[in-house]
Amino acid sequence: MYEYIEKMLKELPANIEGLATTPASSYLFNTYPGCKKHHLVAKLVYLSKHTRKHIQTAVAFLCTRV
């Protein structure tokens, strides 16, 4: 799964920085109109169902935005 995650991270913008103590941080519900990364949301669904259960809340919200 590490390779899968690394490939996903390479597709994201380079200006994503910072740390979060939880995947459901206060900025979870901020939206960015015009973002066209639908395929990454699908990959996150796969990841959250198979290995990373702790990101399911954030991924569920992303699914409502695509």
PDB file of N, CA and C in Angstrom:
ATOM      1  N   MET A   1       0.802  -1.205   0.000  1.00  0.00           N
ATOM      2  CA  MET A   1       0.000   0.000   0.000  1.00  0.00           C
ATOM      3  C   MET A   1       0.847   1.272   0.000  1.00  0.00           C
ATOM      4  N   TYR A   2       2.069   1.180   0.460  1.00  0.00           N
ATOM      5  CA  TYR A   2       2.906   2.381   0.490  1.00  0.00           C
ATOM      6  C   TYR A   2       3.134   2.939  -0.910  1.00  0.00           C
ATOM      7  N   GLU A   3       3.362   2.075  -1.883  1.00  0.00           N
ATOM      8  CA  GLU A   3       3.538   2.525  -3.268  1.00  0.00           C
ATOM      9  C   GLU A   3       2.274   3.208  -3.782  1.00  0.00           C
ATOM     10  N   TYR A   4       1.135   2.625  -3.459  1.00  0.00           N
ATOM     11  CA  TYR A   4      -0.165   3.174  -3.862  1.00  0.00           C
ATOM     12  C   TYR A   4      -0.323   4.591  -3.323  1.00  0.00           C
ATOM     13  N   ILE A   5       0.013   4.788  -2.076  1.00  0.00           N
ATOM     14  CA  ILE A   5      -0.109   6.106  -1.441  1.00  0.00           C
ATOM     15  C   ILE A   5       0.892   7.084  -2.049  1.00  0.00           C
ATOM     16  N   GLU A   6       2.116   6.643  -2.254  1.00  0.00           N
ATOM     17  CA  GLU A   6       3.137   7.514  -2.853  1.00  0.00           C
ATOM     18  C   GLU A   6       2.718   7.999  -4.234  1.00  0.00           C
ATOM     19  N   LYS A   7       2.153   7.121  -5.056  1.00  0.00           N
ATOM     20  CA  LYS A   7       1.703   7.515  -6.390  1.00  0.00           C
ATOM     21  C   LYS A   7       0.570   8.541  -6.295  1.00  0.00           C
ATOM     22  N   MET A   8      -0.332   8.355  -5.327  1.00  0.00           N
ATOM     23  CA  MET A   8      -1.419   9.314  -5.137  1.00  0.00           C
ATOM     24  C   MET A   8      -0.872  10.672  -4.726  1.00  0.00           C
ATOM     25  N   LEU A   9       0.066  10.687  -3.804  1.00  0.00           N
ATOM     26  CA  LEU A   9       0.623  11.943  -3.313  1.00  0.00           C
ATOM     27  C   LEU A   9       1.332  12.731  -4.405  1.00  0.00           C
ATOM     28  N   LYS A  10       1.921  12.047  -5.370  1.00  0.00           N
ATOM     29  CA  LYS A  10       2.598  12.731  -6.473  1.00  0.00           C
ATOM     30  C   LYS A  10       1.622  13.477  -7.371  1.00  0.00           C
ATOM     31  N   GLU A  11       0.344  13.065  -7.360  1.00  0.00           N
ATOM     32  CA  GLU A  11      -0.671  13.726  -8.192  1.00  0.00           C
ATOM     33  C   GLU A  11      -1.250  14.972  -7.534  1.00  0.00           C
ATOM     34  N   LEU A  12      -0.981  15.169  -6.258  1.00  0.00           N
ATOM     35  CA  LEU A  12      -1.524  16.312  -5.532  1.00  0.00           C
ATOM     36  C   LEU A  12      -0.659  17.547  -5.741  1.00  0.00           C
ATOM     37  N   PRO A  13      -1.226  18.734  -5.535  1.00  0.00           N
ATOM     38  CA  PRO A  13      -0.437  19.960  -5.667  1.00  0.00           C
ATOM     39  C   PRO A  13       0.733  19.969  -4.683  1.00  0.00           C
ATOM     40  N   ALA A  14       1.816  20.591  -5.071  1.00  0.00           N
ATOM     41  CA  ALA A  14       3.022  20.619  -4.241  1.00  0.00           C
ATOM     42  C   ALA A  14       2.871  21.500  -3.005  1.00  0.00           C
ATOM     43  N   ASN A  15       1.893  22.394  -2.994  1.00  0.00           N
ATOM     44  CA  ASN A  15       1.772  23.338  -1.883  1.00  0.00           C
ATOM     45  C   ASN A  15       0.948  22.786  -0.709  1.00  0.00           C
ATOM     46  N   ILE A  16       0.674  21.507  -0.683  1.00  0.00           N
ATOM     47  CA  ILE A  16      -0.029  20.913   0.456  1.00  0.00           C
ATOM     48  C   ILE A  16       1.008  20.646   1.530  1.00  0.00           C
ATOM     49  N   GLU A  17       0.835  21.304   2.665  1.00  0.00           N
ATOM     50  CA  GLU A  17       1.803  21.187   3.749  1.00  0.00           C
ATOM     51  C   GLU A  17       1.084  21.063   5.074  1.00  0.00           C
ATOM     52  N   GLY A  18       1.820  20.718   6.084  1.00  0.00           N
ATOM     53  CA  GLY A  18       1.302  20.733   7.432  1.00  0.00           C
ATOM     54  C   GLY A  18       1.012  19.353   7.979  1.00  0.00           C
ATOM     55  N   LEU A  19       0.698  19.341   9.255  1.00  0.00           N
ATOM     56  CA  LEU A  19       0.368  18.116   9.957  1.00  0.00           C
ATOM     57  C   LEU A  19      -1.002  18.260  10.598  1.00  0.00           C
ATOM     58  N   ALA A  20      -1.678  17.153  10.753  1.00  0.00           N
ATOM     59  CA  ALA A  20      -2.970  17.154  11.435  1.00  0.00           C
ATOM     60  C   ALA A  20      -2.970  16.010  12.441  1.00  0.00           C
ATOM     61  N   THR A  21      -3.509  16.260  13.603  1.00  0.00           N
ATOM     62  CA  THR A  21      -3.566  15.204  14.613  1.00  0.00           C
ATOM     63  C   THR A  21      -4.661  14.207  14.297  1.00  0.00           C
ATOM     64  N   THR A  22      -5.605  14.622  13.470  1.00  0.00           N
ATOM     65  CA  THR A  22      -6.706  13.760  13.068  1.00  0.00           C
ATOM     66  C   THR A  22      -7.073  14.078  11.631  1.00  0.00           C
ATOM     67  N   PRO A  23      -7.547  13.094  10.859  1.00  0.00           N
ATOM     68  CA  PRO A  23      -7.950  13.405   9.485  1.00  0.00           C
ATOM     69  C   PRO A  23      -9.204  14.274   9.431  1.00  0.00           C
ATOM     70  N   ALA A  24      -9.908  14.409  10.531  1.00  0.00           N
ATOM     71  CA  ALA A  24     -11.123  15.221  10.588  1.00  0.00           C
ATOM     72  C   ALA A  24     -10.852  16.539  11.311  1.00  0.00           C
ATOM     73  N   SER A  25      -9.853  17.277  10.858  1.00  0.00           N
ATOM     74  CA  SER A  25      -9.494  18.552  11.474  1.00  0.00           C
ATOM     75  C   SER A  25     -10.553  19.609  11.199  1.00  0.00           C
ATOM     76  N   SER A  26     -10.383  20.777  11.786  1.00  0.00           N
ATOM     77  CA  SER A  26     -11.378  21.839  11.678  1.00  0.00           C
ATOM     78  C   SER A  26     -11.578  22.325  10.243  1.00  0.00           C
ATOM     79  N   TYR A  27     -10.590  22.178   9.396  1.00  0.00           N
ATOM     80  CA  TYR A  27     -10.703  22.639   8.011  1.00  0.00           C
ATOM     81  C   TYR A  27     -11.276  21.569   7.079  1.00  0.00           C
ATOM     82  N   LEU A  28     -11.753  20.459   7.623  1.00  0.00           N
ATOM     83  CA  LEU A  28     -12.262  19.354   6.810  1.00  0.00           C
ATOM     84  C   LEU A  28     -13.335  19.811   5.832  1.00  0.00           C
ATOM     85  N   PHE A  29     -14.223  20.694   6.261  1.00  0.00           N
ATOM     86  CA  PHE A  29     -15.359  21.056   5.430  1.00  0.00           C
ATOM     87  C   PHE A  29     -15.118  22.287   4.558  1.00  0.00           C
ATOM     88  N   ASN A  30     -13.874  22.750   4.482  1.00  0.00           N
ATOM     89  CA  ASN A  30     -13.529  23.810   3.525  1.00  0.00           C
ATOM     90  C   ASN A  30     -13.569  23.218   2.126  1.00  0.00           C
ATOM     91  N   THR A  31     -14.137  23.959   1.198  1.00  0.00           N
ATOM     92  CA  THR A  31     -14.223  23.465  -0.173  1.00  0.00           C
ATOM     93  C   THR A  31     -13.440  24.367  -1.112  1.00  0.00           C
ATOM     94  N   TYR A  32     -13.019  23.809  -2.233  1.00  0.00           N
ATOM     95  CA  TYR A  32     -12.242  24.534  -3.224  1.00  0.00           C
ATOM     96  C   TYR A  32     -12.907  24.354  -4.579  1.00  0.00           C
ATOM     97  N   PRO A  33     -13.761  25.298  -4.977  1.00  0.00           N
ATOM     98  CA  PRO A  33     -14.468  25.185  -6.256  1.00  0.00           C
ATOM     99  C   PRO A  33     -13.488  25.028  -7.415  1.00  0.00           C
ATOM    100  N   GLY A  34     -13.847  24.191  -8.337  1.00  0.00           N
ATOM    101  CA  GLY A  34     -13.017  24.002  -9.514  1.00  0.00           C
ATOM    102  C   GLY A  34     -11.985  22.900  -9.402  1.00  0.00           C
ATOM    103  N   CYS A  35     -11.874  22.275  -8.252  1.00  0.00           N
ATOM    104  CA  CYS A  35     -10.900  21.189  -8.089  1.00  0.00           C
ATOM    105  C   CYS A  35     -11.361  19.974  -8.885  1.00  0.00           C
ATOM    106  N   LYS A  36     -10.495  19.429  -9.707  1.00  0.00           N
ATOM    107  CA  LYS A  36     -10.850  18.306 -10.597  1.00  0.00           C
ATOM    108  C   LYS A  36     -10.022  17.067 -10.258  1.00  0.00           C
ATOM    109  N   LYS A  37     -10.102  16.612  -9.047  1.00  0.00           N
ATOM    110  CA  LYS A  37      -9.329  15.448  -8.622  1.00  0.00           C
ATOM    111  C   LYS A  37     -10.253  14.293  -8.235  1.00  0.00           C
ATOM    112  N   HIS A  38     -11.278  14.058  -9.030  1.00  0.00           N
ATOM    113  CA  HIS A  38     -12.267  13.016  -8.729  1.00  0.00           C
ATOM    114  C   HIS A  38     -11.633  11.635  -8.626  1.00  0.00           C
ATOM    115  N   HIS A  39     -10.675  11.357  -9.483  1.00  0.00           N
ATOM    116  CA  HIS A  39     -10.044  10.038  -9.461  1.00  0.00           C
ATOM    117  C   HIS A  39      -9.287   9.801  -8.155  1.00  0.00           C
ATOM    118  N   LEU A  40      -8.777  10.866  -7.537  1.00  0.00           N
ATOM    119  CA  LEU A  40      -8.091  10.710  -6.261  1.00  0.00           C
ATOM    120  C   LEU A  40      -9.066  10.378  -5.145  1.00  0.00           C
ATOM    121  N   VAL A  41     -10.271  10.916  -5.227  1.00  0.00           N
ATOM    122  CA  VAL A  41     -11.291  10.586  -4.229  1.00  0.00           C
ATOM    123  C   VAL A  41     -11.636   9.099  -4.321  1.00  0.00           C
ATOM    124  N   ALA A  42     -11.755   8.592  -5.526  1.00  0.00           N
ATOM    125  CA  ALA A  42     -12.034   7.165  -5.700  1.00  0.00           C
ATOM    126  C   ALA A  42     -10.901   6.317  -5.120  1.00  0.00           C
ATOM    127  N   LYS A  43      -9.670   6.751  -5.312  1.00  0.00           N
ATOM    128  CA  LYS A  43      -8.538   6.027  -4.747  1.00  0.00           C
ATOM    129  C   LYS A  43      -8.548   6.084  -3.228  1.00  0.00           C
ATOM    130  N   LEU A  44      -8.960   7.229  -2.676  1.00  0.00           N
ATOM    131  CA  LEU A  44      -9.047   7.350  -1.226  1.00  0.00           C
ATOM    132  C   LEU A  44     -10.136   6.446  -0.648  1.00  0.00           C
ATOM    133  N   VAL A  45     -11.232   6.278  -1.379  1.00  0.00           N
ATOM    134  CA  VAL A  45     -12.283   5.359  -0.935  1.00  0.00           C
ATOM    135  C   VAL A  45     -11.708   3.956  -0.818  1.00  0.00           C
ATOM    136  N   TYR A  46     -10.992   3.525  -1.840  1.00  0.00           N
ATOM    137  CA  TYR A  46     -10.365   2.202  -1.824  1.00  0.00           C
ATOM    138  C   TYR A  46      -9.423   2.083  -0.628  1.00  0.00           C
ATOM    139  N   LEU A  47      -8.594   3.092  -0.436  1.00  0.00           N
ATOM    140  CA  LEU A  47      -7.624   3.080   0.650  1.00  0.00           C
ATOM    141  C   LEU A  47      -8.307   3.034   2.009  1.00  0.00           C
ATOM    142  N   SER A  48      -9.357   3.834   2.181  1.00  0.00           N
ATOM    143  CA  SER A  48     -10.043   3.885   3.475  1.00  0.00           C
ATOM    144  C   SER A  48     -10.782   2.588   3.788  1.00  0.00           C
ATOM    145  N   LYS A  49     -11.246   1.899   2.791  1.00  0.00           N
ATOM    146  CA  LYS A  49     -11.965   0.647   3.011  1.00  0.00           C
ATOM    147  C   LYS A  49     -11.027  -0.520   3.311  1.00  0.00           C
ATOM    148  N   HIS A  50      -9.814  -0.477   2.763  1.00  0.00           N
ATOM    149  CA  HIS A  50      -8.925  -1.626   2.878  1.00  0.00           C
ATOM    150  C   HIS A  50      -7.842  -1.506   3.953  1.00  0.00           C
ATOM    151  N   THR A  51      -7.312  -0.313   4.173  1.00  0.00           N
ATOM    152  CA  THR A  51      -6.209  -0.232   5.140  1.00  0.00           C
ATOM    153  C   THR A  51      -6.277   0.951   6.087  1.00  0.00           C
ATOM    154  N   ARG A  52      -6.837   2.047   5.680  1.00  0.00           N
ATOM    155  CA  ARG A  52      -6.793   3.274   6.479  1.00  0.00           C
ATOM    156  C   ARG A  52      -8.181   3.674   6.967  1.00  0.00           C
ATOM    157  N   LYS A  53      -8.731   2.917   7.869  1.00  0.00           N
ATOM    158  CA  LYS A  53     -10.090   3.147   8.355  1.00  0.00           C
ATOM    159  C   LYS A  53     -10.247   4.521   9.021  1.00  0.00           C
ATOM    160  N   HIS A  54      -9.180   5.060   9.580  1.00  0.00           N
ATOM    161  CA  HIS A  54      -9.255   6.330  10.298  1.00  0.00           C
ATOM    162  C   HIS A  54      -9.530   7.524   9.392  1.00  0.00           C
ATOM    163  N   ILE A  55      -9.429   7.390   8.082  1.00  0.00           N
ATOM    164  CA  ILE A  55      -9.708   8.522   7.190  1.00  0.00           C
ATOM    165  C   ILE A  55     -11.113   8.478   6.603  1.00  0.00           C
ATOM    166  N   GLN A  56     -11.950   7.545   7.044  1.00  0.00           N
ATOM    167  CA  GLN A  56     -13.268   7.374   6.438  1.00  0.00           C
ATOM    168  C   GLN A  56     -14.167   8.601   6.559  1.00  0.00           C
ATOM    169  N   THR A  57     -14.101   9.338   7.664  1.00  0.00           N
ATOM    170  CA  THR A  57     -14.943  10.538   7.812  1.00  0.00           C
ATOM    171  C   THR A  57     -14.589  11.576   6.756  1.00  0.00           C
ATOM    172  N   ALA A  58     -13.305  11.847   6.609  1.00  0.00           N
ATOM    173  CA  ALA A  58     -12.863  12.833   5.625  1.00  0.00           C
ATOM    174  C   ALA A  58     -13.186  12.379   4.203  1.00  0.00           C
ATOM    175  N   VAL A  59     -12.987  11.106   3.924  1.00  0.00           N
ATOM    176  CA  VAL A  59     -13.256  10.580   2.588  1.00  0.00           C
ATOM    177  C   VAL A  59     -14.757  10.614   2.292  1.00  0.00           C
ATOM    178  N   ALA A  60     -15.571  10.315   3.284  1.00  0.00           N
ATOM    179  CA  ALA A  60     -17.026  10.359   3.091  1.00  0.00           C
ATOM    180  C   ALA A  60     -17.469  11.771   2.705  1.00  0.00           C
ATOM    181  N   PHE A  61     -16.891  12.798   3.340  1.00  0.00           N
ATOM    182  CA  PHE A  61     -17.235  14.164   2.969  1.00  0.00           C
ATOM    183  C   PHE A  61     -16.774  14.472   1.563  1.00  0.00           C
ATOM    184  N   LEU A  62     -15.566  14.050   1.207  1.00  0.00           N
ATOM    185  CA  LEU A  62     -15.091  14.292  -0.152  1.00  0.00           C
ATOM    186  C   LEU A  62     -16.010  13.668  -1.193  1.00  0.00           C
ATOM    187  N   CYS A  63     -16.553  12.520  -0.869  1.00  0.00           N
ATOM    188  CA  CYS A  63     -17.480  11.854  -1.806  1.00  0.00           C
ATOM    189  C   CYS A  63     -18.737  12.683  -2.043  1.00  0.00           C
ATOM    190  N   THR A  64     -19.139  13.476  -1.074  1.00  0.00           N
ATOM    191  CA  THR A  64     -20.321  14.314  -1.270  1.00  0.00           C
ATOM    192  C   THR A  64     -20.012  15.510  -2.156  1.00  0.00           C
ATOM    193  N   ARG A  65     -18.746  15.813  -2.353  1.00  0.00           N
ATOM    194  CA  ARG A  65     -18.342  16.994  -3.130  1.00  0.00           C
ATOM    195  C   ARG A  65     -18.056  16.675  -4.588  1.00  0.00           C
ATOM    196  N   VAL A  66     -17.992  15.406  -4.969  1.00  0.00           N
ATOM    197  CA  VAL A  66     -17.684  15.064  -6.368  1.00  0.00           C
ATOM    198  C   VAL A  66     -18.923  14.599  -7.090  1.00  0.00           C
TER     199      VAL A  66
END
